PDB file of N, CA and C in Angstrom:
ATOM      1  N   MET A   1      72.287 111.872 102.139  1.00  0.00           N
ATOM      2  CA  MET A   1      73.251 111.038 101.461  1.00  0.00           C
ATOM      3  C   MET A   1      73.471 109.766 102.280  1.00  0.00           C
ATOM      4  N   LYS A   2      73.556 108.651 101.605  1.00  0.00           N
ATOM      5  CA  LYS A   2      73.701 107.361 102.262  1.00  0.00           C
ATOM      6  C   LYS A   2      75.129 107.187 102.794  1.00  0.00           C
ATOM      7  N   GLU A   3      75.235 106.666 104.020  1.00  0.00           N
ATOM      8  CA  GLU A   3      76.544 106.441 104.637  1.00  0.00           C
ATOM      9  C   GLU A   3      77.216 105.215 104.024  1.00  0.00           C
ATOM     10  N   ILE A   4      78.517 105.344 103.734  1.00  0.00           N
ATOM     11  CA  ILE A   4      79.281 104.231 103.169  1.00  0.00           C
ATOM     12  C   ILE A   4      79.943 103.478 104.318  1.00  0.00           C
ATOM     13  N   LEU A   5      79.735 102.171 104.341  1.00  0.00           N
ATOM     14  CA  LEU A   5      80.278 101.352 105.413  1.00  0.00           C
ATOM     15  C   LEU A   5      81.792 101.269 105.316  1.00  0.00           C
ATOM     16  N   ALA A   6      82.471 101.327 106.461  1.00  0.00           N
ATOM     17  CA  ALA A   6      83.932 101.257 106.510  1.00  0.00           C
ATOM     18  C   ALA A   6      84.438  99.942 105.930  1.00  0.00           C
ATOM     19  N   GLU A   7      83.691  98.853 106.148  1.00  0.00           N
ATOM     20  CA  GLU A   7      84.094  97.547 105.610  1.00  0.00           C
ATOM     21  C   GLU A   7      84.139  97.572 104.091  1.00  0.00           C
ATOM     22  N   TYR A   8      83.204  98.302 103.494  1.00  0.00           N
ATOM     23  CA  TYR A   8      83.171  98.413 102.035  1.00  0.00           C
ATOM     24  C   TYR A   8      84.393  99.174 101.529  1.00  0.00           C
ATOM     25  N   LEU A   9      84.723 100.264 102.173  1.00  0.00           N
ATOM     26  CA  LEU A   9      85.875 101.070 101.758  1.00  0.00           C
ATOM     27  C   LEU A   9      87.195 100.322 101.954  1.00  0.00           C
ATOM     28  N   ALA A  10      87.245  99.452 102.966  1.00  0.00           N
ATOM     29  CA  ALA A  10      88.477  98.712 103.260  1.00  0.00           C
ATOM     30  C   ALA A  10      88.575  97.393 102.497  1.00  0.00           C
ATOM     31  N   CYS A  11      87.608  97.075 101.683  1.00  0.00           N
ATOM     32  CA  CYS A  11      87.595  95.810 100.944  1.00  0.00           C
ATOM     33  C   CYS A  11      88.828  95.711 100.043  1.00  0.00           C
ATOM     34  N   PRO A  12      89.640  94.646 100.191  1.00  0.00           N
ATOM     35  CA  PRO A  12      90.862  94.511  99.387  1.00  0.00           C
ATOM     36  C   PRO A  12      90.591  94.492  97.883  1.00  0.00           C
ATOM     37  N   ILE A  13      89.529  93.824  97.464  1.00  0.00           N
ATOM     38  CA  ILE A  13      89.230  93.765  96.030  1.00  0.00           C
ATOM     39  C   ILE A  13      88.912  95.160  95.508  1.00  0.00           C
ATOM     40  N   ARG A  14      88.103  95.902  96.223  1.00  0.00           N
ATOM     41  CA  ARG A  14      87.746  97.263  95.816  1.00  0.00           C
ATOM     42  C   ARG A  14      88.991  98.132  95.714  1.00  0.00           C
ATOM     43  N   GLN A  15      89.861  98.035  96.705  1.00  0.00           N
ATOM     44  CA  GLN A  15      91.072  98.860  96.728  1.00  0.00           C
ATOM     45  C   GLN A  15      92.038  98.495  95.594  1.00  0.00           C
ATOM     46  N   VAL A  16      92.215  97.212  95.329  1.00  0.00           N
ATOM     47  CA  VAL A  16      93.149  96.781  94.287  1.00  0.00           C
ATOM     48  C   VAL A  16      92.605  97.119  92.902  1.00  0.00           C
ATOM     49  N   ILE A  17      91.361  96.776  92.638  1.00  0.00           N
ATOM     50  CA  ILE A  17      90.775  97.026  91.324  1.00  0.00           C
ATOM     51  C   ILE A  17      90.720  98.524  91.014  1.00  0.00           C
ATOM     52  N   SER A  18      90.542  99.347  92.020  1.00  0.00           N
ATOM     53  CA  SER A  18      90.480 100.790  91.773  1.00  0.00           C
ATOM     54  C   SER A  18      91.822 101.335  91.268  1.00  0.00           C
ATOM     55  N   ARG A  19      92.899 100.585  91.447  1.00  0.00           N
ATOM     56  CA  ARG A  19      94.227 101.039  91.012  1.00  0.00           C
ATOM     57  C   ARG A  19      94.481 100.801  89.528  1.00  0.00           C
ATOM     58  N   PHE A  20      93.834  99.798  88.937  1.00  0.00           N
ATOM     59  CA  PHE A  20      94.114  99.484  87.536  1.00  0.00           C
ATOM     60  C   PHE A  20      92.894  98.938  86.799  1.00  0.00           C
ATOM     61  N   GLY A  21      91.725  99.066  87.352  1.00  0.00           N
ATOM     62  CA  GLY A  21      90.541  98.435  86.783  1.00  0.00           C
ATOM     63  C   GLY A  21      89.888  99.168  85.629  1.00  0.00           C
ATOM     64  N   ASP A  22      90.368 100.340  85.275  1.00  0.00           N
ATOM     65  CA  ASP A  22      89.771 101.038  84.136  1.00  0.00           C
ATOM     66  C   ASP A  22      90.334 100.492  82.827  1.00  0.00           C
ATOM     67  N   LYS A  23      89.655 100.761  81.720  1.00  0.00           N
ATOM     68  CA  LYS A  23      90.065 100.149  80.452  1.00  0.00           C
ATOM     69  C   LYS A  23      91.427 100.632  79.986  1.00  0.00           C
ATOM     70  N   TRP A  24      91.773 101.877  80.209  1.00  0.00           N
ATOM     71  CA  TRP A  24      93.063 102.360  79.706  1.00  0.00           C
ATOM     72  C   TRP A  24      94.221 101.734  80.466  1.00  0.00           C
ATOM     73  N   SER A  25      94.098 101.583  81.755  1.00  0.00           N
ATOM     74  CA  SER A  25      95.173 100.972  82.545  1.00  0.00           C
ATOM     75  C   SER A  25      95.439  99.547  82.087  1.00  0.00           C
ATOM     76  N   LEU A  26      94.370  98.788  81.890  1.00  0.00           N
ATOM     77  CA  LEU A  26      94.540  97.407  81.439  1.00  0.00           C
ATOM     78  C   LEU A  26      95.204  97.349  80.066  1.00  0.00           C
ATOM     79  N   LEU A  27      94.829  98.257  79.174  1.00  0.00           N
ATOM     80  CA  LEU A  27      95.427  98.276  77.840  1.00  0.00           C
ATOM     81  C   LEU A  27      96.899  98.683  77.877  1.00  0.00           C
ATOM     82  N   VAL A  28      97.251  99.635  78.725  1.00  0.00           N
ATOM     83  CA  VAL A  28      98.655 100.040  78.867  1.00  0.00           C
ATOM     84  C   VAL A  28      99.476  98.888  79.431  1.00  0.00           C
ATOM     85  N   LEU A  29      98.981  98.259  80.471  1.00  0.00           N
ATOM     86  CA  LEU A  29      99.707  97.133  81.068  1.00  0.00           C
ATOM     87  C   LEU A  29      99.904  96.014  80.054  1.00  0.00           C
ATOM     88  N   TYR A  30      98.870  95.719  79.285  1.00  0.00           N
ATOM     89  CA  TYR A  30      98.966  94.657  78.291  1.00  0.00           C
ATOM     90  C   TYR A  30      99.957  95.029  77.185  1.00  0.00           C
ATOM     91  N   ALA A  31      99.945  96.275  76.744  1.00  0.00           N
ATOM     92  CA  ALA A  31     100.880  96.720  75.699  1.00  0.00           C
ATOM     93  C   ALA A  31     102.322  96.612  76.192  1.00  0.00           C
ATOM     94  N   LEU A  32     102.567  97.026  77.416  1.00  0.00           N
ATOM     95  CA  LEU A  32     103.923  96.934  77.970  1.00  0.00           C
ATOM     96  C   LEU A  32     104.350  95.477  78.134  1.00  0.00           C
ATOM     97  N   TRP A  33     103.418  94.627  78.527  1.00  0.00           N
ATOM     98  CA  TRP A  33     103.724  93.203  78.689  1.00  0.00           C
ATOM     99  C   TRP A  33     104.054  92.567  77.342  1.00  0.00           C
ATOM    100  N   ARG A  34     103.287  92.917  76.313  1.00  0.00           N
ATOM    101  CA  ARG A  34     103.546  92.363  74.976  1.00  0.00           C
ATOM    102  C   ARG A  34     104.907  92.803  74.448  1.00  0.00           C
ATOM    103  N   ASN A  35     105.357  93.966  74.860  1.00  0.00           N
ATOM    104  CA  ASN A  35     106.649  94.501  74.406  1.00  0.00           C
ATOM    105  C   ASN A  35     107.792  94.068  75.329  1.00  0.00           C
ATOM    106  N   HIS A  36     107.462  93.415  76.421  1.00  0.00           N
ATOM    107  CA  HIS A  36     108.429  93.017  77.449  1.00  0.00           C
ATOM    108  C   HIS A  36     109.524  92.131  76.863  1.00  0.00           C
ATOM    109  N   PRO A  37     110.797  92.275  77.209  1.00  0.00           N
ATOM    110  CA  PRO A  37     111.287  93.105  78.298  1.00  0.00           C
ATOM    111  C   PRO A  37     111.628  94.526  77.879  1.00  0.00           C
ATOM    112  N   GLY A  38     111.412  94.882  76.626  1.00  0.00           N
ATOM    113  CA  GLY A  38     111.774  96.223  76.171  1.00  0.00           C
ATOM    114  C   GLY A  38     110.823  97.281  76.679  1.00  0.00           C
ATOM    115  N   PRO A  39     111.338  98.460  76.952  1.00  0.00           N
ATOM    116  CA  PRO A  39     110.479  99.575  77.369  1.00  0.00           C
ATOM    117  C   PRO A  39     109.775 100.173  76.157  1.00  0.00           C
ATOM    118  N   MET A  40     108.787 101.020  76.424  1.00  0.00           N
ATOM    119  CA  MET A  40     108.058 101.705  75.364  1.00  0.00           C
ATOM    120  C   MET A  40     108.019 103.194  75.674  1.00  0.00           C
ATOM    121  N   ARG A  41     108.028 103.963  74.614  1.00  0.00           N
ATOM    122  CA  ARG A  41     107.899 105.403  74.761  1.00  0.00           C
ATOM    123  C   ARG A  41     106.418 105.783  74.661  1.00  0.00           C
ATOM    124  N   PHE A  42     106.117 106.992  75.120  1.00  0.00           N
ATOM    125  CA  PHE A  42     104.740 107.492  75.110  1.00  0.00           C
ATOM    126  C   PHE A  42     104.141 107.385  73.716  1.00  0.00           C
ATOM    127  N   SER A  43     104.879 107.824  72.700  1.00  0.00           N
ATOM    128  CA  SER A  43     104.350 107.831  71.329  1.00  0.00           C
ATOM    129  C   SER A  43     104.044 106.416  70.844  1.00  0.00           C
ATOM    130  N   GLU A  44     104.831 105.438  71.254  1.00  0.00           N
ATOM    131  CA  GLU A  44     104.574 104.043  70.856  1.00  0.00           C
ATOM    132  C   GLU A  44     103.269 103.545  71.476  1.00  0.00           C
ATOM    133  N   LEU A  45     103.084 103.862  72.752  1.00  0.00           N
ATOM    134  CA  LEU A  45     101.842 103.469  73.424  1.00  0.00           C
ATOM    135  C   LEU A  45     100.644 104.163  72.775  1.00  0.00           C
ATOM    136  N   HIS A  46     100.787 105.437  72.482  1.00  0.00           N
ATOM    137  CA  HIS A  46      99.676 106.190  71.910  1.00  0.00           C
ATOM    138  C   HIS A  46      99.307 105.670  70.528  1.00  0.00           C
ATOM    139  N   LYS A  47     100.272 105.213  69.747  1.00  0.00           N
ATOM    140  CA  LYS A  47      99.980 104.639  68.427  1.00  0.00           C
ATOM    141  C   LYS A  47      99.146 103.368  68.538  1.00  0.00           C
ATOM    142  N   LEU A  48      99.350 102.612  69.614  1.00  0.00           N
ATOM    143  CA  LEU A  48      98.564 101.399  69.826  1.00  0.00           C
ATOM    144  C   LEU A  48      97.158 101.712  70.329  1.00  0.00           C
ATOM    145  N   MET A  49      97.000 102.856  70.971  1.00  0.00           N
ATOM    146  CA  MET A  49      95.742 103.212  71.622  1.00  0.00           C
ATOM    147  C   MET A  49      95.217 104.523  71.037  1.00  0.00           C
ATOM    148  N   THR A  50      94.947 104.531  69.756  1.00  0.00           N
ATOM    149  CA  THR A  50      94.582 105.773  69.074  1.00  0.00           C
ATOM    150  C   THR A  50      93.276 106.384  69.583  1.00  0.00           C
ATOM    151  N   ASP A  51      92.420 105.579  70.198  1.00  0.00           N
ATOM    152  CA  ASP A  51      91.169 106.125  70.729  1.00  0.00           C
ATOM    153  C   ASP A  51      91.320 106.686  72.138  1.00  0.00           C
ATOM    154  N   CYS A  52      92.518 106.663  72.667  1.00  0.00           N
ATOM    155  CA  CYS A  52      92.818 107.247  73.985  1.00  0.00           C
ATOM    156  C   CYS A  52      93.503 108.589  73.750  1.00  0.00           C
ATOM    157  N   SER A  53      92.977 109.634  74.337  1.00  0.00           N
ATOM    158  CA  SER A  53      93.589 110.955  74.159  1.00  0.00           C
ATOM    159  C   SER A  53      94.963 110.988  74.823  1.00  0.00           C
ATOM    160  N   GLN A  54      95.801 111.909  74.381  1.00  0.00           N
ATOM    161  CA  GLN A  54      97.124 112.049  74.987  1.00  0.00           C
ATOM    162  C   GLN A  54      97.000 112.390  76.470  1.00  0.00           C
ATOM    163  N   LYS A  55      96.040 113.238  76.807  1.00  0.00           N
ATOM    164  CA  LYS A  55      95.832 113.620  78.201  1.00  0.00           C
ATOM    165  C   LYS A  55      95.451 112.404  79.051  1.00  0.00           C
ATOM    166  N   MET A  56      94.528 111.587  78.544  1.00  0.00           N
ATOM    167  CA  MET A  56      94.094 110.406  79.296  1.00  0.00           C
ATOM    168  C   MET A  56      95.234 109.402  79.421  1.00  0.00           C
ATOM    169  N   LEU A  57      96.018 109.225  78.360  1.00  0.00           N
ATOM    170  CA  LEU A  57      97.149 108.307  78.425  1.00  0.00           C
ATOM    171  C   LEU A  57      98.168 108.799  79.442  1.00  0.00           C
ATOM    172  N   SER A  58      98.435 110.087  79.443  1.00  0.00           N
ATOM    173  CA  SER A  58      99.372 110.663  80.404  1.00  0.00           C
ATOM    174  C   SER A  58      98.885 110.446  81.842  1.00  0.00           C
ATOM    175  N   GLN A  59      97.608 110.689  82.094  1.00  0.00           N
ATOM    176  CA  GLN A  59      97.040 110.480  83.434  1.00  0.00           C
ATOM    177  C   GLN A  59      97.114 109.010  83.839  1.00  0.00           C
ATOM    178  N   THR A  60      96.846 108.121  82.887  1.00  0.00           N
ATOM    179  CA  THR A  60      96.886 106.683  83.155  1.00  0.00           C
ATOM    180  C   THR A  60      98.296 106.242  83.511  1.00  0.00           C
ATOM    181  N   LEU A  61      99.277 106.711  82.760  1.00  0.00           N
ATOM    182  CA  LEU A  61     100.668 106.358  83.039  1.00  0.00           C
ATOM    183  C   LEU A  61     101.092 106.862  84.415  1.00  0.00           C
ATOM    184  N   LYS A  62     100.700 108.078  84.766  1.00  0.00           N
ATOM    185  CA  LYS A  62     101.038 108.629  86.089  1.00  0.00           C
ATOM    186  C   LYS A  62     100.416 107.792  87.205  1.00  0.00           C
ATOM    187  N   ARG A  63      99.146 107.395  87.015  1.00  0.00           N
ATOM    188  CA  ARG A  63      98.467 106.592  88.039  1.00  0.00           C
ATOM    189  C   ARG A  63      99.117 105.214  88.185  1.00  0.00           C
ATOM    190  N   LEU A  64      99.463 104.576  87.060  1.00  0.00           N
ATOM    191  CA  LEU A  64     100.107 103.262  87.121  1.00  0.00           C
ATOM    192  C   LEU A  64     101.488 103.351  87.765  1.00  0.00           C
ATOM    193  N   GLU A  65     102.194 104.441  87.496  1.00  0.00           N
ATOM    194  CA  GLU A  65     103.505 104.633  88.132  1.00  0.00           C
ATOM    195  C   GLU A  65     103.329 104.859  89.638  1.00  0.00           C
ATOM    196  N   LYS A  66     102.367 105.677  90.001  1.00  0.00           N
ATOM    197  CA  LYS A  66     102.091 105.946  91.419  1.00  0.00           C
ATOM    198  C   LYS A  66     101.757 104.662  92.176  1.00  0.00           C
ATOM    199  N   ASN A  67     101.094 103.733  91.487  1.00  0.00           N
ATOM    200  CA  ASN A  67     100.703 102.468  92.109  1.00  0.00           C
ATOM    201  C   ASN A  67     101.736 101.360  91.915  1.00  0.00           C
ATOM    202  N   HIS A  68     102.926 101.744  91.450  1.00  0.00           N
ATOM    203  CA  HIS A  68     104.086 100.838  91.354  1.00  0.00           C
ATOM    204  C   HIS A  68     103.906  99.691  90.365  1.00  0.00           C
ATOM    205  N   LEU A  69     103.040  99.886  89.362  1.00  0.00           N
ATOM    206  CA  LEU A  69     102.828  98.850  88.358  1.00  0.00           C
ATOM    207  C   LEU A  69     103.705  99.055  87.130  1.00  0.00           C
ATOM    208  N   ILE A  70     104.083 100.318  86.876  1.00  0.00           N
ATOM    209  CA  ILE A  70     105.021 100.605  85.788  1.00  0.00           C
ATOM    210  C   ILE A  70     106.134 101.508  86.301  1.00  0.00           C
ATOM    211  N   ALA A  71     107.247 101.472  85.581  1.00  0.00           N
ATOM    212  CA  ALA A  71     108.385 102.338  85.902  1.00  0.00           C
ATOM    213  C   ALA A  71     108.541 103.356  84.784  1.00  0.00           C
ATOM    214  N   ARG A  72     108.889 104.559  85.155  1.00  0.00           N
ATOM    215  CA  ARG A  72     109.128 105.649  84.200  1.00  0.00           C
ATOM    216  C   ARG A  72     110.600 106.013  84.299  1.00  0.00           C
ATOM    217  N   LYS A  73     111.290 105.979  83.171  1.00  0.00           N
ATOM    218  CA  LYS A  73     112.702 106.338  83.148  1.00  0.00           C
ATOM    219  C   LYS A  73     112.896 107.513  82.209  1.00  0.00           C
ATOM    220  N   GLN A  74     113.400 108.619  82.769  1.00  0.00           N
ATOM    221  CA  GLN A  74     113.631 109.818  81.976  1.00  0.00           C
ATOM    222  C   GLN A  74     115.126 109.954  81.720  1.00  0.00           C
ATOM    223  N   PHE A  75     115.485 110.211  80.467  1.00  0.00           N
ATOM    224  CA  PHE A  75     116.877 110.347  80.083  1.00  0.00           C
ATOM    225  C   PHE A  75     117.215 111.828  79.935  1.00  0.00           C
ATOM    226  N   ALA A  76     118.410 112.199  80.383  1.00  0.00           N
ATOM    227  CA  ALA A  76     118.869 113.584  80.294  1.00  0.00           C
ATOM    228  C   ALA A  76     119.429 113.833  78.898  1.00  0.00           C
ATOM    229  N   GLU A  77     118.529 113.961  77.954  1.00  0.00           N
ATOM    230  CA  GLU A  77     118.892 114.181  76.556  1.00  0.00           C
ATOM    231  C   GLU A  77     118.068 115.332  76.006  1.00  0.00           C
ATOM    232  N   ILE A  78     118.509 115.830  74.881  1.00  0.00           N
ATOM    233  CA  ILE A  78     117.731 116.832  74.168  1.00  0.00           C
ATOM    234  C   ILE A  78     117.498 116.286  72.769  1.00  0.00           C
ATOM    235  N   PRO A  79     116.262 116.080  72.342  1.00  0.00           N
ATOM    236  CA  PRO A  79     115.031 116.271  73.121  1.00  0.00           C
ATOM    237  C   PRO A  79     114.907 115.215  74.217  1.00  0.00           C
ATOM    238  N   PRO A  80     114.139 115.527  75.257  1.00  0.00           N
ATOM    239  CA  PRO A  80     113.974 114.577  76.365  1.00  0.00           C
ATOM    240  C   PRO A  80     113.371 113.254  75.886  1.00  0.00           C
ATOM    241  N   ARG A  81     113.808 112.186  76.505  1.00  0.00           N
ATOM    242  CA  ARG A  81     113.284 110.856  76.168  1.00  0.00           C
ATOM    243  C   ARG A  81     112.812 110.203  77.460  1.00  0.00           C
ATOM    244  N   VAL A  82     111.608 109.636  77.403  1.00  0.00           N
ATOM    245  CA  VAL A  82     111.021 108.953  78.555  1.00  0.00           C
ATOM    246  C   VAL A  82     110.570 107.579  78.085  1.00  0.00           C
ATOM    247  N   GLU A  83     110.877 106.560  78.893  1.00  0.00           N
ATOM    248  CA  GLU A  83     110.465 105.194  78.575  1.00  0.00           C
ATOM    249  C   GLU A  83     109.695 104.605  79.744  1.00  0.00           C
ATOM    250  N   TYR A  84     108.749 103.736  79.409  1.00  0.00           N
ATOM    251  CA  TYR A  84     107.914 103.081  80.405  1.00  0.00           C
ATOM    252  C   TYR A  84     108.090 101.572  80.292  1.00  0.00           C
ATOM    253  N   SER A  85     108.072 100.908  81.442  1.00  0.00           N
ATOM    254  CA  SER A  85     108.172  99.452  81.458  1.00  0.00           C
ATOM    255  C   SER A  85     107.418  98.928  82.679  1.00  0.00           C
ATOM    256  N   LEU A  86     107.146  97.644  82.655  1.00  0.00           N
ATOM    257  CA  LEU A  86     106.494  97.011  83.806  1.00  0.00           C
ATOM    258  C   LEU A  86     107.478  96.875  84.957  1.00  0.00           C
ATOM    259  N   THR A  87     106.998  97.067  86.156  1.00  0.00           N
ATOM    260  CA  THR A  87     107.785  96.763  87.347  1.00  0.00           C
ATOM    261  C   THR A  87     107.584  95.278  87.664  1.00  0.00           C
ATOM    262  N   PRO A  88     108.363  94.729  88.578  1.00  0.00           N
ATOM    263  CA  PRO A  88     108.095  93.346  88.995  1.00  0.00           C
ATOM    264  C   PRO A  88     106.657  93.159  89.509  1.00  0.00           C
ATOM    265  N   LEU A  89     106.125  94.162  90.197  1.00  0.00           N
ATOM    266  CA  LEU A  89     104.733  94.079  90.664  1.00  0.00           C
ATOM    267  C   LEU A  89     103.780  94.036  89.475  1.00  0.00           C
ATOM    268  N   GLY A  90     104.023  94.879  88.472  1.00  0.00           N
ATOM    269  CA  GLY A  90     103.199  94.873  87.270  1.00  0.00           C
ATOM    270  C   GLY A  90     103.294  93.554  86.528  1.00  0.00           C
ATOM    271  N   GLU A  91     104.499  92.997  86.451  1.00  0.00           N
ATOM    272  CA  GLU A  91     104.684  91.693  85.804  1.00  0.00           C
ATOM    273  C   GLU A  91     103.904  90.610  86.529  1.00  0.00           C
ATOM    274  N   SER A  92     103.862  90.687  87.858  1.00  0.00           N
ATOM    275  CA  SER A  92     103.158  89.664  88.638  1.00  0.00           C
ATOM    276  C   SER A  92     101.643  89.710  88.408  1.00  0.00           C
ATOM    277  N   LEU A  93     101.144  90.832  87.929  1.00  0.00           N
ATOM    278  CA  LEU A  93      99.721  90.989  87.648  1.00  0.00           C
ATOM    279  C   LEU A  93      99.326  90.397  86.297  1.00  0.00           C
ATOM    280  N   MET A  94     100.273  90.251  85.392  1.00  0.00           N
ATOM    281  CA  MET A  94      99.960  89.884  84.009  1.00  0.00           C
ATOM    282  C   MET A  94      99.306  88.515  83.830  1.00  0.00           C
ATOM    283  N   PRO A  95      99.656  87.477  84.582  1.00  0.00           N
ATOM    284  CA  PRO A  95      98.912  86.213  84.403  1.00  0.00           C
ATOM    285  C   PRO A  95      97.408  86.384  84.631  1.00  0.00           C
ATOM    286  N   SER A  96      97.027  87.209  85.588  1.00  0.00           N
ATOM    287  CA  SER A  96      95.599  87.447  85.836  1.00  0.00           C
ATOM    288  C   SER A  96      94.968  88.221  84.692  1.00  0.00           C
ATOM    289  N   ILE A  97      95.672  89.210  84.166  1.00  0.00           N
ATOM    290  CA  ILE A  97      95.135  89.997  83.062  1.00  0.00           C
ATOM    291  C   ILE A  97      95.039  89.151  81.798  1.00  0.00           C
ATOM    292  N   THR A  98      96.057  88.347  81.517  1.00  0.00           N
ATOM    293  CA  THR A  98      95.996  87.513  80.313  1.00  0.00           C
ATOM    294  C   THR A  98      94.894  86.458  80.434  1.00  0.00           C
ATOM    295  N   SER A  99      94.636  85.973  81.644  1.00  0.00           N
ATOM    296  CA  SER A  99      93.509  85.052  81.846  1.00  0.00           C
ATOM    297  C   SER A  99      92.187  85.754  81.560  1.00  0.00           C
ATOM    298  N   LEU A 100      92.062  86.990  81.993  1.00  0.00           N
ATOM    299  CA  LEU A 100      90.856  87.770  81.729  1.00  0.00           C
ATOM    300  C   LEU A 100      90.690  88.000  80.223  1.00  0.00           C
ATOM    301  N   ILE A 101      91.779  88.290  79.532  1.00  0.00           N
ATOM    302  CA  ILE A 101      91.728  88.484  78.079  1.00  0.00           C
ATOM    303  C   ILE A 101      91.289  87.197  77.391  1.00  0.00           C
ATOM    304  N   GLN A 102      91.851  86.078  77.813  1.00  0.00           N
ATOM    305  CA  GLN A 102      91.476  84.790  77.220  1.00  0.00           C
ATOM    306  C   GLN A 102      89.995  84.508  77.449  1.00  0.00           C
ATOM    307  N   TRP A 103      89.525  84.763  78.647  1.00  0.00           N
ATOM    308  CA  TRP A 103      88.109  84.573  78.947  1.00  0.00           C
ATOM    309  C   TRP A 103      87.262  85.462  78.039  1.00  0.00           C
ATOM    310  N   GLY A 104      87.686  86.706  77.870  1.00  0.00           N
ATOM    311  CA  GLY A 104      86.961  87.638  77.008  1.00  0.00           C
ATOM    312  C   GLY A 104      86.901  87.171  75.563  1.00  0.00           C
ATOM    313  N   GLN A 105      88.003  86.600  75.080  1.00  0.00           N
ATOM    314  CA  GLN A 105      88.018  86.085  73.710  1.00  0.00           C
ATOM    315  C   GLN A 105      87.076  84.896  73.561  1.00  0.00           C
ATOM    316  N   GLU A 106      87.056  84.030  74.556  1.00  0.00           N
ATOM    317  CA  GLU A 106      86.212  82.841  74.503  1.00  0.00           C
ATOM    318  C   GLU A 106      84.722  83.181  74.610  1.00  0.00           C
ATOM    319  N   HIS A 107      84.388  84.244  75.311  1.00  0.00           N
ATOM    320  CA  HIS A 107      82.991  84.576  75.584  1.00  0.00           C
ATOM    321  C   HIS A 107      82.564  85.910  74.981  1.00  0.00           C
ATOM    322  N   PHE A 108      83.334  86.416  74.021  1.00  0.00           N
ATOM    323  CA  PHE A 108      83.055  87.726  73.439  1.00  0.00           C
ATOM    324  C   PHE A 108      81.624  87.853  72.948  1.00  0.00           C
ATOM    325  N   THR A 109      81.176  86.906  72.137  1.00  0.00           N
ATOM    326  CA  THR A 109      79.842  86.983  71.547  1.00  0.00           C
ATOM    327  C   THR A 109      78.762  86.905  72.621  1.00  0.00           C
ATOM    328  N   GLU A 110      78.959  86.059  73.613  1.00  0.00           N
ATOM    329  CA  GLU A 110      77.957  85.934  74.672  1.00  0.00           C
ATOM    330  C   GLU A 110      77.827  87.218  75.473  1.00  0.00           C
ATOM    331  N   VAL A 111      78.939  87.877  75.716  1.00  0.00           N
ATOM    332  CA  VAL A 111      78.938  89.083  76.535  1.00  0.00           C
ATOM    333  C   VAL A 111      78.439  90.294  75.741  1.00  0.00           C
ATOM    334  N   THR A 112      78.807  90.369  74.488  1.00  0.00           N
ATOM    335  CA  THR A 112      78.466  91.555  73.693  1.00  0.00           C
ATOM    336  C   THR A 112      77.313  91.352  72.742  1.00  0.00           C
ATOM    337  N   ASP A 113      76.783  90.142  72.639  1.00  0.00           N
ATOM    338  CA  ASP A 113      75.756  89.791  71.649  1.00  0.00           C
ATOM    339  C   ASP A 113      76.246  90.117  70.240  1.00  0.00           C
ATOM    340  N   GLY A 114      77.574  90.018  70.069  1.00  0.00           N
ATOM    341  CA  GLY A 114      78.161  90.270  68.756  1.00  0.00           C
ATOM    342  C   GLY A 114      78.305  91.738  68.406  1.00  0.00           C
ATOM    343  N   LYS A 115      77.912  92.621  69.330  1.00  0.00           N
ATOM    344  CA  LYS A 115      77.983  94.068  69.078  1.00  0.00           C
ATOM    345  C   LYS A 115      79.252  94.630  69.709  1.00  0.00           C
ATOM    346  N   VAL A 116      79.936  95.454  68.968  1.00  0.00           N
ATOM    347  CA  VAL A 116      81.157  96.077  69.456  1.00  0.00           C
ATOM    348  C   VAL A 116      80.833  97.507  69.860  1.00  0.00           C
ATOM    349  N   ALA A 117      81.236  97.885  71.069  1.00  0.00           N
ATOM    350  CA  ALA A 117      81.009  99.254  71.554  1.00  0.00           C
ATOM    351  C   ALA A 117      81.883 100.225  70.783  1.00  0.00           C
ATOM    352  N   VAL A 118      81.338 101.377  70.487  1.00  0.00           N
ATOM    353  CA  VAL A 118      82.091 102.402  69.752  1.00  0.00           C
ATOM    354  C   VAL A 118      82.393 103.549  70.658  1.00  0.00           C
TER     355      VAL A 118
END
């Protein structure tokens, strides 16, 4: 097995992107930003992301919370209610994500050759 260089593992870009660089994390962050400043419940997020399983959405939300990009607020009610919102750190990331989205819209055809992944 090939040895991984310590410099590679310590790379700031690698470490940061690994926290939110998957497609579901970006979609959750964008959905919360679009709904900002209001929080969203799990079911609201899932309705926007119908191709994401409940299990994957739950794992994504836990990872984003662990990385301080979203906040989870649980209410002591019956039935239980949980809401998600962007943290200040998550909000600070949104200009970069919206720039990436804009770039994607401008270059969609060039990148995908007009084909949409299923």
